[in-house]
Amino acid sequence: MPSQSITTLAKKAGISKKKAEEYWDRAKKQADKRKTKLKKGSYYAYVVGIFKKMAGLNENSSASIASYENPNAMKFEYKKIKRESLFISFAKKLLESIEIEKAQN
Protein backbone atom coordinates (compact mmCIF):
# COMPACT_ATOMS: atom_id res chain seq x y z
CA MET A 1 0.00 0.00 0.00
CA PRO A 2 1.34 3.41 -0.78
CA SER A 3 2.78 5.23 2.22
CA GLN A 4 0.27 8.06 1.83
CA SER A 5 -2.66 5.65 2.07
CA ILE A 6 -1.23 3.92 5.15
CA THR A 7 -0.72 7.29 6.84
CA THR A 8 -4.26 8.42 6.01
CA LEU A 9 -5.86 5.20 7.22
CA ALA A 10 -3.69 5.13 10.35
CA LYS A 11 -4.89 8.63 11.26
CA LYS A 12 -8.49 7.66 10.56
CA ALA A 13 -8.18 4.59 12.80
CA GLY A 14 -6.21 6.41 15.48
CA ILE A 15 -3.24 4.04 15.26
CA SER A 16 0.44 4.63 14.62
CA LYS A 17 1.86 4.36 11.13
CA LYS A 18 4.07 1.49 12.34
CA LYS A 19 1.01 -0.42 13.61
CA ALA A 20 -0.79 0.27 10.32
CA GLU A 21 2.18 -1.14 8.40
CA GLU A 22 2.07 -4.25 10.60
CA TYR A 23 -1.66 -4.65 9.86
CA TRP A 24 -0.97 -4.19 6.15
CA ASP A 25 1.68 -6.92 6.17
CA ARG A 26 -0.63 -9.28 8.08
CA ALA A 27 -3.51 -8.50 5.72
CA LYS A 28 -1.32 -9.30 2.70
CA LYS A 29 -0.30 -12.63 4.25
CA GLN A 30 -3.94 -13.54 4.85
CA ALA A 31 -4.92 -12.50 1.33
CA ASP A 32 -2.04 -14.50 -0.16
CA LYS A 33 -3.60 -17.64 1.31
CA ARG A 34 -6.75 -17.03 -0.77
CA LYS A 35 -5.13 -15.40 -3.79
CA THR A 36 -5.97 -18.25 -6.15
CA LYS A 37 -9.65 -18.12 -5.14
CA LEU A 38 -10.04 -14.38 -5.67
CA LYS A 39 -11.40 -12.90 -8.87
CA LYS A 40 -8.88 -11.28 -11.15
CA GLY A 41 -8.16 -7.74 -10.04
CA SER A 42 -9.75 -8.07 -6.60
CA TYR A 43 -6.60 -8.90 -4.60
CA TYR A 44 -5.81 -5.30 -3.63
CA ALA A 45 -9.40 -4.59 -2.58
CA TYR A 46 -9.41 -7.79 -0.53
CA VAL A 47 -6.19 -6.77 1.25
CA VAL A 48 -7.57 -3.29 1.93
CA GLY A 49 -10.78 -4.82 3.33
CA ILE A 50 -8.84 -7.06 5.70
CA PHE A 51 -6.63 -4.14 6.71
CA LYS A 52 -9.66 -1.94 7.47
CA LYS A 53 -11.25 -4.62 9.62
CA MET A 54 -8.02 -5.10 11.55
CA ALA A 55 -7.73 -1.36 12.09
CA GLY A 56 -11.39 -1.11 13.15
CA LEU A 57 -12.41 0.99 10.15
CA ASN A 58 -15.07 -1.30 8.76
CA GLU A 59 -18.29 -0.38 10.60
CA ASN A 60 -20.35 -2.91 8.63
CA SER A 61 -18.74 -5.94 10.19
CA SER A 62 -18.16 -7.09 13.72
CA ALA A 63 -15.23 -9.24 12.60
CA SER A 64 -12.17 -8.83 14.76
CA ILE A 65 -8.47 -9.29 14.21
CA ALA A 66 -8.84 -12.79 15.63
CA SER A 67 -11.10 -13.67 12.69
CA TYR A 68 -8.15 -13.33 10.37
CA GLU A 69 -5.91 -15.44 12.54
CA ASN A 70 -8.49 -18.23 12.68
CA PRO A 71 -10.16 -19.07 9.37
CA ASN A 72 -12.96 -20.99 11.12
CA ALA A 73 -13.83 -17.90 13.16
CA MET A 74 -13.92 -15.90 9.94
CA LYS A 75 -16.32 -18.41 8.33
CA PHE A 76 -18.56 -18.29 11.41
CA GLU A 77 -18.58 -14.49 11.38
CA TYR A 78 -19.55 -14.47 7.69
CA LYS A 79 -22.40 -16.91 8.30
CA LYS A 80 -23.60 -14.82 11.27
CA ILE A 81 -23.63 -11.63 9.20
CA LYS A 82 -25.38 -13.41 6.31
CA ARG A 83 -28.09 -14.73 8.68
CA GLU A 84 -28.60 -11.26 10.12
CA SER A 85 -28.94 -9.80 6.63
CA LEU A 86 -31.47 -12.45 5.62
CA PHE A 87 -33.48 -11.81 8.77
CA ILE A 88 -33.53 -8.06 8.14
CA SER A 89 -34.66 -8.61 4.53
CA PHE A 90 -37.42 -10.95 5.70
CA ALA A 91 -38.55 -8.49 8.38
CA LYS A 92 -38.71 -5.63 5.85
CA LYS A 93 -40.81 -7.70 3.44
CA LEU A 94 -43.12 -8.74 6.26
CA LEU A 95 -43.61 -5.13 7.34
CA GLU A 96 -44.29 -4.09 3.74
CA SER A 97 -46.94 -6.79 3.37
CA ILE A 98 -48.59 -5.71 6.65
CA GLU A 99 -48.66 -2.08 5.47
CA ILE A 100 -50.18 -3.12 2.14
CA GLU A 101 -52.79 -5.18 3.94
CA LYS A 102 -53.66 -2.28 6.24
CA ALA A 103 -53.96 0.08 3.28
CA GLN A 104 -56.39 -2.30 1.56
CA ASN A 105 -58.62 -2.48 4.63
C-alpha atoms as a PDB file:
ATOM      1  CA  MET A   1       0.000   0.000   0.000  1.00  0.00           C
ATOM      2  CA  PRO A   2       1.337   3.414  -0.784  1.00  0.00           C
ATOM      3  CA  SER A   3       2.777   5.226   2.218  1.00  0.00           C
ATOM      4  CA  GLN A   4       0.272   8.063   1.829  1.00  0.00           C
ATOM      5  CA  SER A   5      -2.656   5.652   2.074  1.00  0.00           C
ATOM      6  CA  ILE A   6      -1.233   3.923   5.152  1.00  0.00           C
ATOM      7  CA  THR A   7      -0.716   7.289   6.839  1.00  0.00           C
ATOM      8  CA  THR A   8      -4.255   8.420   6.012  1.00  0.00           C
ATOM      9  CA  LEU A   9      -5.865   5.196   7.222  1.00  0.00           C
ATOM     10  CA  ALA A  10      -3.688   5.131  10.350  1.00  0.00           C
ATOM     11  CA  LYS A  11      -4.890   8.626  11.264  1.00  0.00           C
ATOM     12  CA  LYS A  12      -8.487   7.661  10.563  1.00  0.00           C
ATOM     13  CA  ALA A  13      -8.181   4.588  12.799  1.00  0.00           C
ATOM     14  CA  GLY A  14      -6.207   6.410  15.485  1.00  0.00           C
ATOM     15  CA  ILE A  15      -3.242   4.035  15.260  1.00  0.00           C
ATOM     16  CA  SER A  16       0.444   4.625  14.622  1.00  0.00           C
ATOM     17  CA  LYS A  17       1.864   4.355  11.127  1.00  0.00           C
ATOM     18  CA  LYS A  18       4.065   1.492  12.341  1.00  0.00           C
ATOM     19  CA  LYS A  19       1.014  -0.424  13.614  1.00  0.00           C
ATOM     20  CA  ALA A  20      -0.789   0.275  10.321  1.00  0.00           C
ATOM     21  CA  GLU A  21       2.177  -1.138   8.396  1.00  0.00           C
ATOM     22  CA  GLU A  22       2.073  -4.255  10.600  1.00  0.00           C
ATOM     23  CA  TYR A  23      -1.658  -4.649   9.862  1.00  0.00           C
ATOM     24  CA  TRP A  24      -0.968  -4.188   6.148  1.00  0.00           C
ATOM     25  CA  ASP A  25       1.677  -6.920   6.169  1.00  0.00           C
ATOM     26  CA  ARG A  26      -0.625  -9.281   8.082  1.00  0.00           C
ATOM     27  CA  ALA A  27      -3.508  -8.502   5.719  1.00  0.00           C
ATOM     28  CA  LYS A  28      -1.320  -9.296   2.700  1.00  0.00           C
ATOM     29  CA  LYS A  29      -0.295 -12.627   4.251  1.00  0.00           C
ATOM     30  CA  GLN A  30      -3.944 -13.542   4.850  1.00  0.00           C
ATOM     31  CA  ALA A  31      -4.924 -12.496   1.328  1.00  0.00           C
ATOM     32  CA  ASP A  32      -2.042 -14.500  -0.162  1.00  0.00           C
ATOM     33  CA  LYS A  33      -3.603 -17.640   1.311  1.00  0.00           C
ATOM     34  CA  ARG A  34      -6.749 -17.025  -0.770  1.00  0.00           C
ATOM     35  CA  LYS A  35      -5.130 -15.399  -3.787  1.00  0.00           C
ATOM     36  CA  THR A  36      -5.971 -18.252  -6.155  1.00  0.00           C
ATOM     37  CA  LYS A  37      -9.654 -18.124  -5.136  1.00  0.00           C
ATOM     38  CA  LEU A  38     -10.041 -14.380  -5.668  1.00  0.00           C
ATOM     39  CA  LYS A  39     -11.403 -12.903  -8.871  1.00  0.00           C
ATOM     40  CA  LYS A  40      -8.885 -11.277 -11.152  1.00  0.00           C
ATOM     41  CA  GLY A  41      -8.155  -7.737 -10.042  1.00  0.00           C
ATOM     42  CA  SER A  42      -9.747  -8.069  -6.602  1.00  0.00           C
ATOM     43  CA  TYR A  43      -6.602  -8.895  -4.604  1.00  0.00           C
ATOM     44  CA  TYR A  44      -5.806  -5.295  -3.633  1.00  0.00           C
ATOM     45  CA  ALA A  45      -9.396  -4.588  -2.583  1.00  0.00           C
ATOM     46  CA  TYR A  46      -9.407  -7.793  -0.533  1.00  0.00           C
ATOM     47  CA  VAL A  47      -6.188  -6.771   1.254  1.00  0.00           C
ATOM     48  CA  VAL A  48      -7.573  -3.292   1.935  1.00  0.00           C
ATOM     49  CA  GLY A  49     -10.778  -4.822   3.335  1.00  0.00           C
ATOM     50  CA  ILE A  50      -8.840  -7.062   5.705  1.00  0.00           C
ATOM     51  CA  PHE A  51      -6.633  -4.136   6.714  1.00  0.00           C
ATOM     52  CA  LYS A  52      -9.657  -1.935   7.473  1.00  0.00           C
ATOM     53  CA  LYS A  53     -11.250  -4.619   9.620  1.00  0.00           C
ATOM     54  CA  MET A  54      -8.016  -5.104  11.546  1.00  0.00           C
ATOM     55  CA  ALA A  55      -7.731  -1.365  12.090  1.00  0.00           C
ATOM     56  CA  GLY A  56     -11.388  -1.110  13.154  1.00  0.00           C
ATOM     57  CA  LEU A  57     -12.405   0.987  10.153  1.00  0.00           C
ATOM     58  CA  ASN A  58     -15.071  -1.303   8.764  1.00  0.00           C
ATOM     59  CA  GLU A  59     -18.285  -0.384  10.596  1.00  0.00           C
ATOM     60  CA  ASN A  60     -20.353  -2.908   8.626  1.00  0.00           C
ATOM     61  CA  SER A  61     -18.740  -5.938  10.185  1.00  0.00           C
ATOM     62  CA  SER A  62     -18.159  -7.091  13.722  1.00  0.00           C
ATOM     63  CA  ALA A  63     -15.226  -9.237  12.597  1.00  0.00           C
ATOM     64  CA  SER A  64     -12.173  -8.829  14.757  1.00  0.00           C
ATOM     65  CA  ILE A  65      -8.472  -9.286  14.214  1.00  0.00           C
ATOM     66  CA  ALA A  66      -8.842 -12.789  15.630  1.00  0.00           C
ATOM     67  CA  SER A  67     -11.097 -13.668  12.690  1.00  0.00           C
ATOM     68  CA  TYR A  68      -8.148 -13.327  10.365  1.00  0.00           C
ATOM     69  CA  GLU A  69      -5.906 -15.438  12.538  1.00  0.00           C
ATOM     70  CA  ASN A  70      -8.485 -18.226  12.685  1.00  0.00           C
ATOM     71  CA  PRO A  71     -10.160 -19.068   9.366  1.00  0.00           C
ATOM     72  CA  ASN A  72     -12.956 -20.986  11.119  1.00  0.00           C
ATOM     73  CA  ALA A  73     -13.829 -17.905  13.161  1.00  0.00           C
ATOM     74  CA  MET A  74     -13.918 -15.904   9.936  1.00  0.00           C
ATOM     75  CA  LYS A  75     -16.323 -18.409   8.331  1.00  0.00           C
ATOM     76  CA  PHE A  76     -18.558 -18.287  11.409  1.00  0.00           C
ATOM     77  CA  GLU A  77     -18.581 -14.486  11.377  1.00  0.00           C
ATOM     78  CA  TYR A  78     -19.550 -14.469   7.690  1.00  0.00           C
ATOM     79  CA  LYS A  79     -22.404 -16.907   8.301  1.00  0.00           C
ATOM     80  CA  LYS A  80     -23.600 -14.821  11.266  1.00  0.00           C
ATOM     81  CA  ILE A  81     -23.634 -11.630   9.198  1.00  0.00           C
ATOM     82  CA  LYS A  82     -25.376 -13.410   6.311  1.00  0.00           C
ATOM     83  CA  ARG A  83     -28.091 -14.730   8.679  1.00  0.00           C
ATOM     84  CA  GLU A  84     -28.604 -11.260  10.125  1.00  0.00           C
ATOM     85  CA  SER A  85     -28.939  -9.799   6.629  1.00  0.00           C
ATOM     86  CA  LEU A  86     -31.466 -12.451   5.624  1.00  0.00           C
ATOM     87  CA  PHE A  87     -33.480 -11.806   8.772  1.00  0.00           C
ATOM     88  CA  ILE A  88     -33.530  -8.063   8.140  1.00  0.00           C
ATOM     89  CA  SER A  89     -34.656  -8.607   4.534  1.00  0.00           C
ATOM     90  CA  PHE A  90     -37.415 -10.946   5.699  1.00  0.00           C
ATOM     91  CA  ALA A  91     -38.551  -8.486   8.382  1.00  0.00           C
ATOM     92  CA  LYS A  92     -38.711  -5.630   5.848  1.00  0.00           C
ATOM     93  CA  LYS A  93     -40.811  -7.699   3.437  1.00  0.00           C
ATOM     94  CA  LEU A  94     -43.115  -8.740   6.258  1.00  0.00           C
ATOM     95  CA  LEU A  95     -43.615  -5.134   7.336  1.00  0.00           C
ATOM     96  CA  GLU A  96     -44.291  -4.092   3.741  1.00  0.00           C
ATOM     97  CA  SER A  97     -46.938  -6.791   3.366  1.00  0.00           C
ATOM     98  CA  ILE A  98     -48.592  -5.710   6.649  1.00  0.00           C
ATOM     99  CA  GLU A  99     -48.660  -2.082   5.473  1.00  0.00           C
ATOM    100  CA  ILE A 100     -50.178  -3.117   2.142  1.00  0.00           C
ATOM    101  CA  GLU A 101     -52.793  -5.185   3.944  1.00  0.00           C
ATOM    102  CA  LYS A 102     -53.659  -2.278   6.243  1.00  0.00           C
ATOM    103  CA  ALA A 103     -53.959   0.078   3.276  1.00  0.00           C
ATOM    104  CA  GLN A 104     -56.389  -2.302   1.555  1.00  0.00           C
ATOM    105  CA  ASN A 105     -58.621  -2.479   4.632  1.00  0.00           C
END
